[in-house]
């Protein structure tokens, strides 16, 4: 595997808003990037490269390689499609083509890591989370609108030195990246912010600012439900700090689920809300607010 002293070869599976930003930053940092996508997107990326527009990182264009299937050895693969398209996207990355590459998902939810470890050698799969607002506006065109782009990594089954090396590469490319020891805590920490924001903004068609002002009692109840389930799963959530994060978030911020709903795209409702309901059921914990929101959104 390549060390941090030299360029890596990184495949990005699903170069949408998140994957496209990662691909662009890594390519700009001098790494070889291969975007794995559908034929139309792969053709656009192969001929025109990636265009990134970002208040944080500036506007830039970079060339990237692109293909519909992984055909060469790489050091790492960033798995970045929406959870709704994960299983079909993995067909672009056959196990026999993976070599010893580190597989790192940047998806919403907590259950996809198990899917990847059932598909690829567990010692090659590390968990990760990303906090960013980034959108693909056209094939190869990425709009990064949040003033942050933070990645956390944890390797319950992957070698710690490989995970740390990837963290160094991502940090050098521009991400605020850090490695955590507790994978479960990391995944539930991300879900604890994402789930209330996604379910409430999508259900009530409002921004974060509108939700925290007009649906605060529901927000507080939902956070308490989530914290009880997370604790049963082995992750402690500081509810006071979590509400503080909501209060500090830009008032105009919208969730990716809300944007998907407005565009008529499939929702990651099962990966986000469904994951909470299944965990609650495993532990016999009542979550009426979450269940009501998931049921309402399922009908829309």
C-alpha atoms as a PDB file:
ATOM      1  CA  UNK A   1       0.000   0.000   0.000  1.00  0.00           C
ATOM      2  CA  UNK A   2       1.188   3.517  -0.814  1.00  0.00           C
ATOM      3  CA  UNK A   3       2.452   5.549   2.133  1.00  0.00           C
ATOM      4  CA  UNK A   4       1.462   9.131   2.826  1.00  0.00           C
ATOM      5  CA  UNK A   5       4.830  10.296   1.493  1.00  0.00           C
ATOM      6  CA  UNK A   6       3.740   9.612  -2.089  1.00  0.00           C
ATOM      7  CA  UNK A   7       0.583   9.888  -4.165  1.00  0.00           C
ATOM      8  CA  UNK A   8      -2.160   7.324  -3.686  1.00  0.00           C
ATOM      9  CA  UNK A   9      -4.490   5.779  -6.200  1.00  0.00           C
ATOM     10  CA  UNK A  10      -8.028   6.173  -4.886  1.00  0.00           C
ATOM     11  CA  UNK A  11     -11.253   4.950  -6.461  1.00  0.00           C
ATOM     12  CA  UNK A  12     -14.415   6.907  -5.691  1.00  0.00           C
ATOM     13  CA  UNK A  13     -17.555   4.829  -6.094  1.00  0.00           C
ATOM     14  CA  UNK A  14     -20.490   7.126  -6.823  1.00  0.00           C
ATOM     15  CA  UNK A  15     -19.019  10.598  -7.528  1.00  0.00           C
ATOM     16  CA  UNK A  16     -22.080  12.624  -6.488  1.00  0.00           C
ATOM     17  CA  UNK A  17     -22.071  15.519  -4.051  1.00  0.00           C
ATOM     18  CA  UNK A  18     -19.934  13.821  -1.400  1.00  0.00           C
ATOM     19  CA  UNK A  19     -17.875  11.587  -3.672  1.00  0.00           C
ATOM     20  CA  UNK A  20     -17.295  14.309  -6.230  1.00  0.00           C
ATOM     21  CA  UNK A  21     -15.977  16.695  -3.595  1.00  0.00           C
ATOM     22  CA  UNK A  22     -13.660  14.022  -2.208  1.00  0.00           C
ATOM     23  CA  UNK A  23     -12.474  13.091  -5.693  1.00  0.00           C
ATOM     24  CA  UNK A  24     -11.826  16.728  -6.576  1.00  0.00           C
ATOM     25  CA  UNK A  25      -9.848  17.501  -3.429  1.00  0.00           C
ATOM     26  CA  UNK A  26      -7.776  14.325  -3.684  1.00  0.00           C
ATOM     27  CA  UNK A  27      -7.009  14.931  -7.352  1.00  0.00           C
ATOM     28  CA  UNK A  28      -6.053  18.539  -6.646  1.00  0.00           C
ATOM     29  CA  UNK A  29      -3.691  17.258  -3.942  1.00  0.00           C
ATOM     30  CA  UNK A  30      -1.866  15.183  -6.549  1.00  0.00           C
ATOM     31  CA  UNK A  31      -3.397  11.741  -6.085  1.00  0.00           C
ATOM     32  CA  UNK A  32      -4.604   9.534  -8.934  1.00  0.00           C
ATOM     33  CA  UNK A  33      -8.398   9.368  -8.692  1.00  0.00           C
ATOM     34  CA  UNK A  34     -10.629   6.918 -10.535  1.00  0.00           C
ATOM     35  CA  UNK A  35     -14.346   7.700 -10.430  1.00  0.00           C
ATOM     36  CA  UNK A  36     -16.611   4.656 -10.789  1.00  0.00           C
ATOM     37  CA  UNK A  37     -20.008   5.603 -12.166  1.00  0.00           C
ATOM     38  CA  UNK A  38     -22.686   4.963 -14.771  1.00  0.00           C
ATOM     39  CA  UNK A  39     -21.643   5.201 -18.413  1.00  0.00           C
ATOM     40  CA  UNK A  40     -22.974   8.743 -18.943  1.00  0.00           C
ATOM     41  CA  UNK A  41     -21.308  10.116 -15.825  1.00  0.00           C
ATOM     42  CA  UNK A  42     -18.067   8.228 -16.457  1.00  0.00           C
ATOM     43  CA  UNK A  43     -17.917   9.632 -19.994  1.00  0.00           C
ATOM     44  CA  UNK A  44     -18.497  13.195 -18.755  1.00  0.00           C
ATOM     45  CA  UNK A  45     -15.825  12.873 -16.066  1.00  0.00           C
ATOM     46  CA  UNK A  46     -13.333  11.211 -18.377  1.00  0.00           C
ATOM     47  CA  UNK A  47     -13.604  13.964 -20.962  1.00  0.00           C
ATOM     48  CA  UNK A  48     -14.233  17.052 -18.852  1.00  0.00           C
ATOM     49  CA  UNK A  49     -12.902  16.218 -15.413  1.00  0.00           C
ATOM     50  CA  UNK A  50     -14.405  17.581 -12.215  1.00  0.00           C
ATOM     51  CA  UNK A  51     -15.489  21.141 -11.490  1.00  0.00           C
ATOM     52  CA  UNK A  52     -15.774  22.056  -7.823  1.00  0.00           C
ATOM     53  CA  UNK A  53     -17.298  25.308  -6.594  1.00  0.00           C
ATOM     54  CA  UNK A  54     -16.699  25.885  -2.904  1.00  0.00           C
ATOM     55  CA  UNK A  55     -16.591  28.823  -0.558  1.00  0.00           C
ATOM     56  CA  UNK A  56     -14.182  26.911   1.652  1.00  0.00           C
ATOM     57  CA  UNK A  57     -11.872  25.370  -0.955  1.00  0.00           C
ATOM     58  CA  UNK A  58     -12.313  27.788  -3.839  1.00  0.00           C
ATOM     59  CA  UNK A  59     -13.440  27.050  -7.389  1.00  0.00           C
ATOM     60  CA  UNK A  60     -11.261  24.672  -9.377  1.00  0.00           C
ATOM     61  CA  UNK A  61     -11.205  22.095 -12.149  1.00  0.00           C
ATOM     62  CA  UNK A  62      -9.197  18.878 -12.086  1.00  0.00           C
ATOM     63  CA  UNK A  63      -8.853  15.919 -14.443  1.00  0.00           C
ATOM     64  CA  UNK A  64      -9.811  12.482 -13.102  1.00  0.00           C
ATOM     65  CA  UNK A  65      -9.904   8.995 -14.553  1.00  0.00           C
ATOM     66  CA  UNK A  66     -13.354   7.444 -14.854  1.00  0.00           C
ATOM     67  CA  UNK A  67     -14.762   3.994 -15.549  1.00  0.00           C
ATOM     68  CA  UNK A  68     -17.892   1.937 -15.035  1.00  0.00           C
ATOM     69  CA  UNK A  69     -15.977  -0.878 -13.304  1.00  0.00           C
ATOM     70  CA  UNK A  70     -12.911  -1.176 -11.096  1.00  0.00           C
ATOM     71  CA  UNK A  71     -10.215  -2.638 -13.351  1.00  0.00           C
ATOM     72  CA  UNK A  72      -6.929  -1.794 -11.613  1.00  0.00           C
ATOM     73  CA  UNK A  73      -5.344  -2.001  -8.208  1.00  0.00           C
ATOM     74  CA  UNK A  74      -5.970   0.932  -5.915  1.00  0.00           C
ATOM     75  CA  UNK A  75      -4.895   1.886  -2.423  1.00  0.00           C
ATOM     76  CA  UNK A  76      -8.349   2.807  -1.177  1.00  0.00           C
ATOM     77  CA  UNK A  77     -11.963   3.024  -2.300  1.00  0.00           C
ATOM     78  CA  UNK A  78     -14.317   5.691  -1.008  1.00  0.00           C
ATOM     79  CA  UNK A  79     -17.860   4.310  -1.225  1.00  0.00           C
ATOM     80  CA  UNK A  80     -20.117   7.346  -1.596  1.00  0.00           C
ATOM     81  CA  UNK A  81     -23.448   6.605  -3.334  1.00  0.00           C
ATOM     82  CA  UNK A  82     -26.740   7.151  -1.566  1.00  0.00           C
ATOM     83  CA  UNK A  83     -27.670   4.138   0.545  1.00  0.00           C
ATOM     84  CA  UNK A  84     -30.641   3.555  -1.748  1.00  0.00           C
ATOM     85  CA  UNK A  85     -28.228   2.707  -4.564  1.00  0.00           C
ATOM     86  CA  UNK A  86     -25.493   1.007  -2.538  1.00  0.00           C
ATOM     87  CA  UNK A  87     -26.030  -2.617  -3.519  1.00  0.00           C
ATOM     88  CA  UNK A  88     -26.253  -1.906  -7.235  1.00  0.00           C
ATOM     89  CA  UNK A  89     -23.218   0.394  -7.024  1.00  0.00           C
ATOM     90  CA  UNK A  90     -21.133  -2.355  -5.427  1.00  0.00           C
ATOM     91  CA  UNK A  91     -21.440  -4.316  -8.665  1.00  0.00           C
ATOM     92  CA  UNK A  92     -18.911  -1.838 -10.081  1.00  0.00           C
ATOM     93  CA  UNK A  93     -16.399  -3.055  -7.513  1.00  0.00           C
ATOM     94  CA  UNK A  94     -16.142  -6.874  -7.724  1.00  0.00           C
ATOM     95  CA  UNK A  95     -14.437  -8.510  -4.777  1.00  0.00           C
ATOM     96  CA  UNK A  96     -11.863 -10.145  -7.040  1.00  0.00           C
ATOM     97  CA  UNK A  97     -10.847  -6.722  -8.421  1.00  0.00           C
ATOM     98  CA  UNK A  98     -10.416  -5.119  -5.022  1.00  0.00           C
ATOM     99  CA  UNK A  99      -6.965  -6.450  -4.193  1.00  0.00           C
ATOM    100  CA  UNK A 100      -5.930  -5.290  -0.737  1.00  0.00           C
ATOM    101  CA  UNK A 101      -7.532  -1.842  -1.038  1.00  0.00           C
ATOM    102  CA  UNK A 102      -9.027  -0.229   2.036  1.00  0.00           C
ATOM    103  CA  UNK A 103     -12.802   0.205   1.623  1.00  0.00           C
ATOM    104  CA  UNK A 104     -14.248   3.266   3.349  1.00  0.00           C
ATOM    105  CA  UNK A 105     -17.954   4.167   3.146  1.00  0.00           C
ATOM    106  CA  UNK A 106     -19.078   7.782   3.454  1.00  0.00           C
ATOM    107  CA  UNK A 107     -22.786   7.007   3.732  1.00  0.00           C
ATOM    108  CA  UNK A 108     -25.618   7.970   6.013  1.00  0.00           C
ATOM    109  CA  UNK A 109     -26.872   5.489   8.594  1.00  0.00           C
ATOM    110  CA  UNK A 110     -25.222   2.780  10.699  1.00  0.00           C
ATOM    111  CA  UNK A 111     -26.045  -0.526   8.993  1.00  0.00           C
ATOM    112  CA  UNK A 112     -24.126  -0.208   5.706  1.00  0.00           C
ATOM    113  CA  UNK A 113     -20.799  -1.106   7.320  1.00  0.00           C
ATOM    114  CA  UNK A 114     -22.115  -4.619   7.977  1.00  0.00           C
ATOM    115  CA  UNK A 115     -23.199  -4.873   4.328  1.00  0.00           C
ATOM    116  CA  UNK A 116     -19.673  -4.029   3.187  1.00  0.00           C
ATOM    117  CA  UNK A 117     -18.047  -6.443   5.634  1.00  0.00           C
ATOM    118  CA  UNK A 118     -20.295  -9.197   4.329  1.00  0.00           C
ATOM    119  CA  UNK A 119     -19.245  -8.354   0.756  1.00  0.00           C
ATOM    120  CA  UNK A 120     -15.506  -7.710   1.165  1.00  0.00           C
ATOM    121  CA  UNK A 121     -12.872  -8.964   3.637  1.00  0.00           C
ATOM    122  CA  UNK A 122     -13.711  -7.330   6.987  1.00  0.00           C
ATOM    123  CA  UNK A 123     -10.053  -6.476   7.569  1.00  0.00           C
ATOM    124  CA  UNK A 124     -10.229  -4.190   4.517  1.00  0.00           C
ATOM    125  CA  UNK A 125     -13.351  -2.296   5.590  1.00  0.00           C
ATOM    126  CA  UNK A 126     -13.146   0.754   7.839  1.00  0.00           C
ATOM    127  CA  UNK A 127     -16.095   2.785   9.054  1.00  0.00           C
ATOM    128  CA  UNK A 128     -16.292   6.523   8.435  1.00  0.00           C
ATOM    129  CA  UNK A 129     -18.632   9.465   8.619  1.00  0.00           C
ATOM    130  CA  UNK A 130     -18.693  12.767   6.772  1.00  0.00           C
ATOM    131  CA  UNK A 131     -20.344  16.033   7.729  1.00  0.00           C
ATOM    132  CA  UNK A 132     -20.733  18.281   4.722  1.00  0.00           C
ATOM    133  CA  UNK A 133     -23.329  19.938   2.514  1.00  0.00           C
ATOM    134  CA  UNK A 134     -22.320  19.222  -1.064  1.00  0.00           C
ATOM    135  CA  UNK A 135     -24.444  18.658  -4.164  1.00  0.00           C
ATOM    136  CA  UNK A 136     -23.855  17.386  -7.678  1.00  0.00           C
ATOM    137  CA  UNK A 137     -25.600  19.875  -9.960  1.00  0.00           C
ATOM    138  CA  UNK A 138     -24.584  18.098 -13.182  1.00  0.00           C
ATOM    139  CA  UNK A 139     -22.261  15.200 -14.047  1.00  0.00           C
ATOM    140  CA  UNK A 140     -18.834  16.374 -12.948  1.00  0.00           C
ATOM    141  CA  UNK A 141     -20.053  19.614 -11.337  1.00  0.00           C
ATOM    142  CA  UNK A 142     -20.023  19.843  -7.531  1.00  0.00           C
ATOM    143  CA  UNK A 143     -21.374  22.682  -5.371  1.00  0.00           C
ATOM    144  CA  UNK A 144     -19.940  22.596  -1.846  1.00  0.00           C
ATOM    145  CA  UNK A 145     -22.071  24.988   0.211  1.00  0.00           C
ATOM    146  CA  UNK A 146     -21.218  24.282   3.857  1.00  0.00           C
ATOM    147  CA  UNK A 147     -18.342  26.083   5.600  1.00  0.00           C
ATOM    148  CA  UNK A 148     -17.027  22.700   6.750  1.00  0.00           C
ATOM    149  CA  UNK A 149     -16.084  19.263   5.434  1.00  0.00           C
ATOM    150  CA  UNK A 150     -15.303  16.868   8.271  1.00  0.00           C
ATOM    151  CA  UNK A 151     -14.466  13.180   8.047  1.00  0.00           C
ATOM    152  CA  UNK A 152     -14.071  10.750  10.929  1.00  0.00           C
ATOM    153  CA  UNK A 153     -12.597   7.267  10.536  1.00  0.00           C
ATOM    154  CA  UNK A 154     -12.585   4.208  12.755  1.00  0.00           C
ATOM    155  CA  UNK A 155     -11.377   0.696  12.079  1.00  0.00           C
ATOM    156  CA  UNK A 156     -12.864  -1.979  14.296  1.00  0.00           C
ATOM    157  CA  UNK A 157     -11.705  -4.618  11.811  1.00  0.00           C
ATOM    158  CA  UNK A 158      -9.148  -2.784   9.641  1.00  0.00           C
ATOM    159  CA  UNK A 159      -5.505  -2.277  10.701  1.00  0.00           C
ATOM    160  CA  UNK A 160      -5.139   0.962  12.647  1.00  0.00           C
ATOM    161  CA  UNK A 161      -2.076   2.065  10.699  1.00  0.00           C
ATOM    162  CA  UNK A 162      -3.912   1.856   7.371  1.00  0.00           C
ATOM    163  CA  UNK A 163      -6.835   3.857   8.705  1.00  0.00           C
ATOM    164  CA  UNK A 164      -4.473   6.461  10.155  1.00  0.00           C
ATOM    165  CA  UNK A 165      -2.597   6.728   6.855  1.00  0.00           C
ATOM    166  CA  UNK A 166      -5.823   7.418   4.970  1.00  0.00           C
ATOM    167  CA  UNK A 167      -6.714  10.016   7.593  1.00  0.00           C
ATOM    168  CA  UNK A 168      -3.418  11.764   6.860  1.00  0.00           C
ATOM    169  CA  UNK A 169      -4.134  11.744   3.124  1.00  0.00           C
ATOM    170  CA  UNK A 170      -7.621  13.180   3.575  1.00  0.00           C
ATOM    171  CA  UNK A 171      -6.368  15.830   5.985  1.00  0.00           C
ATOM    172  CA  UNK A 172      -3.642  16.908   3.595  1.00  0.00           C
ATOM    173  CA  UNK A 173      -6.242  17.184   0.830  1.00  0.00           C
ATOM    174  CA  UNK A 174      -8.271  19.676   2.867  1.00  0.00           C
ATOM    175  CA  UNK A 175     -10.726  17.709   4.985  1.00  0.00           C
ATOM    176  CA  UNK A 176     -10.897  18.147   8.725  1.00  0.00           C
ATOM    177  CA  UNK A 177     -10.163  14.453   9.312  1.00  0.00           C
ATOM    178  CA  UNK A 178      -9.571  12.520  12.491  1.00  0.00           C
ATOM    179  CA  UNK A 179      -9.399   8.885  13.558  1.00  0.00           C
ATOM    180  CA  UNK A 180     -11.579   7.655  16.413  1.00  0.00           C
ATOM    181  CA  UNK A 181     -11.209   4.494  18.463  1.00  0.00           C
ATOM    182  CA  UNK A 182     -14.894   3.726  19.028  1.00  0.00           C
ATOM    183  CA  UNK A 183     -16.630   2.890  15.762  1.00  0.00           C
ATOM    184  CA  UNK A 184     -20.089   2.508  17.308  1.00  0.00           C
ATOM    185  CA  UNK A 185     -19.883   5.871  19.052  1.00  0.00           C
ATOM    186  CA  UNK A 186     -18.706   7.519  15.844  1.00  0.00           C
ATOM    187  CA  UNK A 187     -21.555   6.159  13.723  1.00  0.00           C
ATOM    188  CA  UNK A 188     -24.265   6.958  16.255  1.00  0.00           C
ATOM    189  CA  UNK A 189     -22.845  10.415  16.867  1.00  0.00           C
ATOM    190  CA  UNK A 190     -23.332  11.201  13.171  1.00  0.00           C
ATOM    191  CA  UNK A 191     -26.815   9.666  13.138  1.00  0.00           C
ATOM    192  CA  UNK A 192     -27.796  11.610  16.253  1.00  0.00           C
ATOM    193  CA  UNK A 193     -27.495  14.895  14.367  1.00  0.00           C
ATOM    194  CA  UNK A 194     -28.523  13.653  10.948  1.00  0.00           C
ATOM    195  CA  UNK A 195     -31.699  11.806  11.901  1.00  0.00           C
ATOM    196  CA  UNK A 196     -33.604  14.635  13.619  1.00  0.00           C
ATOM    197  CA  UNK A 197     -32.520  17.105  10.945  1.00  0.00           C
ATOM    198  CA  UNK A 198     -33.446  14.792   8.072  1.00  0.00           C
ATOM    199  CA  UNK A 199     -36.790  13.584   9.414  1.00  0.00           C
ATOM    200  CA  UNK A 200     -38.034  16.955  10.671  1.00  0.00           C
ATOM    201  CA  UNK A 201     -36.904  19.157   7.773  1.00  0.00           C
ATOM    202  CA  UNK A 202     -38.302  16.678   5.257  1.00  0.00           C
ATOM    203  CA  UNK A 203     -41.564  16.034   7.069  1.00  0.00           C
ATOM    204  CA  UNK A 204     -42.335  19.722   7.591  1.00  0.00           C
ATOM    205  CA  UNK A 205     -40.590  21.065   4.470  1.00  0.00           C
ATOM    206  CA  UNK A 206     -38.613  23.613   6.432  1.00  0.00           C
ATOM    207  CA  UNK A 207     -35.019  24.651   7.057  1.00  0.00           C
ATOM    208  CA  UNK A 208     -33.112  23.810  10.210  1.00  0.00           C
ATOM    209  CA  UNK A 209     -33.919  27.281  11.513  1.00  0.00           C
ATOM    210  CA  UNK A 210     -37.641  26.792  10.961  1.00  0.00           C
ATOM    211  CA  UNK A 211     -37.641  23.345  12.565  1.00  0.00           C
ATOM    212  CA  UNK A 212     -35.835  24.401  15.715  1.00  0.00           C
ATOM    213  CA  UNK A 213     -38.145  27.385  16.124  1.00  0.00           C
ATOM    214  CA  UNK A 214     -41.490  25.841  15.198  1.00  0.00           C
ATOM    215  CA  UNK A 215     -41.031  22.158  16.123  1.00  0.00           C
ATOM    216  CA  UNK A 216     -38.758  22.432  19.140  1.00  0.00           C
ATOM    217  CA  UNK A 217     -40.778  20.176  21.450  1.00  0.00           C
ATOM    218  CA  UNK A 218     -40.808  17.477  18.801  1.00  0.00           C
ATOM    219  CA  UNK A 219     -37.080  17.971  18.207  1.00  0.00           C
ATOM    220  CA  UNK A 220     -36.319  17.593  21.912  1.00  0.00           C
ATOM    221  CA  UNK A 221     -38.475  14.466  22.207  1.00  0.00           C
ATOM    222  CA  UNK A 222     -36.889  12.909  19.141  1.00  0.00           C
ATOM    223  CA  UNK A 223     -33.383  13.562  20.469  1.00  0.00           C
ATOM    224  CA  UNK A 224     -34.280  11.895  23.773  1.00  0.00           C
ATOM    225  CA  UNK A 225     -35.624   8.821  21.956  1.00  0.00           C
ATOM    226  CA  UNK A 226     -32.502   8.592  19.857  1.00  0.00           C
ATOM    227  CA  UNK A 227     -30.221   8.927  22.881  1.00  0.00           C
ATOM    228  CA  UNK A 228     -31.961   6.028  24.657  1.00  0.00           C
ATOM    229  CA  UNK A 229     -31.521   3.769  21.636  1.00  0.00           C
ATOM    230  CA  UNK A 230     -27.923   4.833  21.095  1.00  0.00           C
ATOM    231  CA  UNK A 231     -27.106   4.063  24.745  1.00  0.00           C
ATOM    232  CA  UNK A 232     -28.577   0.583  24.341  1.00  0.00           C
ATOM    233  CA  UNK A 233     -26.350   0.113  21.281  1.00  0.00           C
ATOM    234  CA  UNK A 234     -23.290   1.173  23.291  1.00  0.00           C
ATOM    235  CA  UNK A 235     -22.991   4.843  22.316  1.00  0.00           C
ATOM    236  CA  UNK A 236     -23.574   7.681  24.770  1.00  0.00           C
ATOM    237  CA  UNK A 237     -25.131  10.824  23.281  1.00  0.00           C
ATOM    238  CA  UNK A 238     -24.818  14.166  25.075  1.00  0.00           C
ATOM    239  CA  UNK A 239     -28.291  15.530  24.359  1.00  0.00           C
ATOM    240  CA  UNK A 240     -27.472  19.031  25.634  1.00  0.00           C
ATOM    241  CA  UNK A 241     -24.488  19.279  23.308  1.00  0.00           C
ATOM    242  CA  UNK A 242     -26.543  17.841  20.449  1.00  0.00           C
ATOM    243  CA  UNK A 243     -29.260  20.458  20.826  1.00  0.00           C
ATOM    244  CA  UNK A 244     -26.485  23.027  20.959  1.00  0.00           C
ATOM    245  CA  UNK A 245     -25.288  21.804  17.561  1.00  0.00           C
ATOM    246  CA  UNK A 246     -28.772  22.296  16.148  1.00  0.00           C
ATOM    247  CA  UNK A 247     -28.986  25.783  17.582  1.00  0.00           C
ATOM    248  CA  UNK A 248     -25.583  26.651  16.106  1.00  0.00           C
ATOM    249  CA  UNK A 249     -26.297  25.260  12.627  1.00  0.00           C
ATOM    250  CA  UNK A 250     -26.892  27.801   9.831  1.00  0.00           C
ATOM    251  CA  UNK A 251     -30.600  28.673   9.908  1.00  0.00           C
ATOM    252  CA  UNK A 252     -30.976  28.131   6.154  1.00  0.00           C
ATOM    253  CA  UNK A 253     -29.429  24.667   6.199  1.00  0.00           C
ATOM    254  CA  UNK A 254     -31.476  21.884   4.597  1.00  0.00           C
ATOM    255  CA  UNK A 255     -30.972  18.143   4.839  1.00  0.00           C
ATOM    256  CA  UNK A 256     -30.005  15.971   1.893  1.00  0.00           C
ATOM    257  CA  UNK A 257     -33.186  13.962   2.465  1.00  0.00           C
ATOM    258  CA  UNK A 258     -35.218  17.137   2.126  1.00  0.00           C
ATOM    259  CA  UNK A 259     -33.475  17.969  -1.132  1.00  0.00           C
ATOM    260  CA  UNK A 260     -34.109  14.448  -2.418  1.00  0.00           C
ATOM    261  CA  UNK A 261     -37.791  14.739  -1.551  1.00  0.00           C
ATOM    262  CA  UNK A 262     -38.098  18.060  -3.344  1.00  0.00           C
ATOM    263  CA  UNK A 263     -36.391  16.600  -6.424  1.00  0.00           C
ATOM    264  CA  UNK A 264     -38.525  13.461  -6.426  1.00  0.00           C
ATOM    265  CA  UNK A 265     -35.549  11.182  -5.747  1.00  0.00           C
ATOM    266  CA  UNK A 266     -35.674   8.073  -3.504  1.00  0.00           C
ATOM    267  CA  UNK A 267     -35.271   8.885   0.167  1.00  0.00           C
ATOM    268  CA  UNK A 268     -32.732   7.344   2.526  1.00  0.00           C
ATOM    269  CA  UNK A 269     -35.594   6.918   4.975  1.00  0.00           C
ATOM    270  CA  UNK A 270     -34.881   3.270   5.713  1.00  0.00           C
ATOM    271  CA  UNK A 271     -31.145   3.807   6.214  1.00  0.00           C
ATOM    272  CA  UNK A 272     -31.763   6.682   8.637  1.00  0.00           C
ATOM    273  CA  UNK A 273     -35.172   6.322  10.265  1.00  0.00           C
ATOM    274  CA  UNK A 274     -35.545   2.604   9.663  1.00  0.00           C
ATOM    275  CA  UNK A 275     -32.178   1.890  11.279  1.00  0.00           C
ATOM    276  CA  UNK A 276     -33.301   3.650  14.454  1.00  0.00           C
ATOM    277  CA  UNK A 277     -36.619   1.791  14.547  1.00  0.00           C
ATOM    278  CA  UNK A 278     -34.911  -1.580  14.087  1.00  0.00           C
ATOM    279  CA  UNK A 279     -32.394  -0.841  16.853  1.00  0.00           C
ATOM    280  CA  UNK A 280     -35.201   0.334  19.137  1.00  0.00           C
ATOM    281  CA  UNK A 281     -37.125  -2.865  18.447  1.00  0.00           C
ATOM    282  CA  UNK A 282     -34.075  -4.997  19.263  1.00  0.00           C
ATOM    283  CA  UNK A 283     -33.858  -3.379  22.688  1.00  0.00           C
ATOM    284  CA  UNK A 284     -37.584  -3.022  23.373  1.00  0.00           C
ATOM    285  CA  UNK A 285     -37.446   0.779  23.478  1.00  0.00           C
ATOM    286  CA  UNK A 286     -40.505   2.817  22.524  1.00  0.00           C
ATOM    287  CA  UNK A 287     -39.799   5.600  20.015  1.00  0.00           C
ATOM    288  CA  UNK A 288     -43.238   7.032  19.164  1.00  0.00           C
ATOM    289  CA  UNK A 289     -42.010  10.348  17.747  1.00  0.00           C
ATOM    290  CA  UNK A 290     -39.506   8.701  15.422  1.00  0.00           C
ATOM    291  CA  UNK A 291     -41.998   6.030  14.397  1.00  0.00           C
ATOM    292  CA  UNK A 292     -44.620   8.659  13.609  1.00  0.00           C
ATOM    293  CA  UNK A 293     -42.242  10.671  11.456  1.00  0.00           C
ATOM    294  CA  UNK A 294     -41.057   7.595   9.548  1.00  0.00           C
ATOM    295  CA  UNK A 295     -44.649   6.464   8.978  1.00  0.00           C
ATOM    296  CA  UNK A 296     -45.694   9.897   7.731  1.00  0.00           C
ATOM    297  CA  UNK A 297     -42.742  10.169   5.355  1.00  0.00           C
ATOM    298  CA  UNK A 298     -43.328   6.639   4.080  1.00  0.00           C
ATOM    299  CA  UNK A 299     -46.735   7.746   2.798  1.00  0.00           C
ATOM    300  CA  UNK A 300     -45.450  10.781   0.923  1.00  0.00           C
END
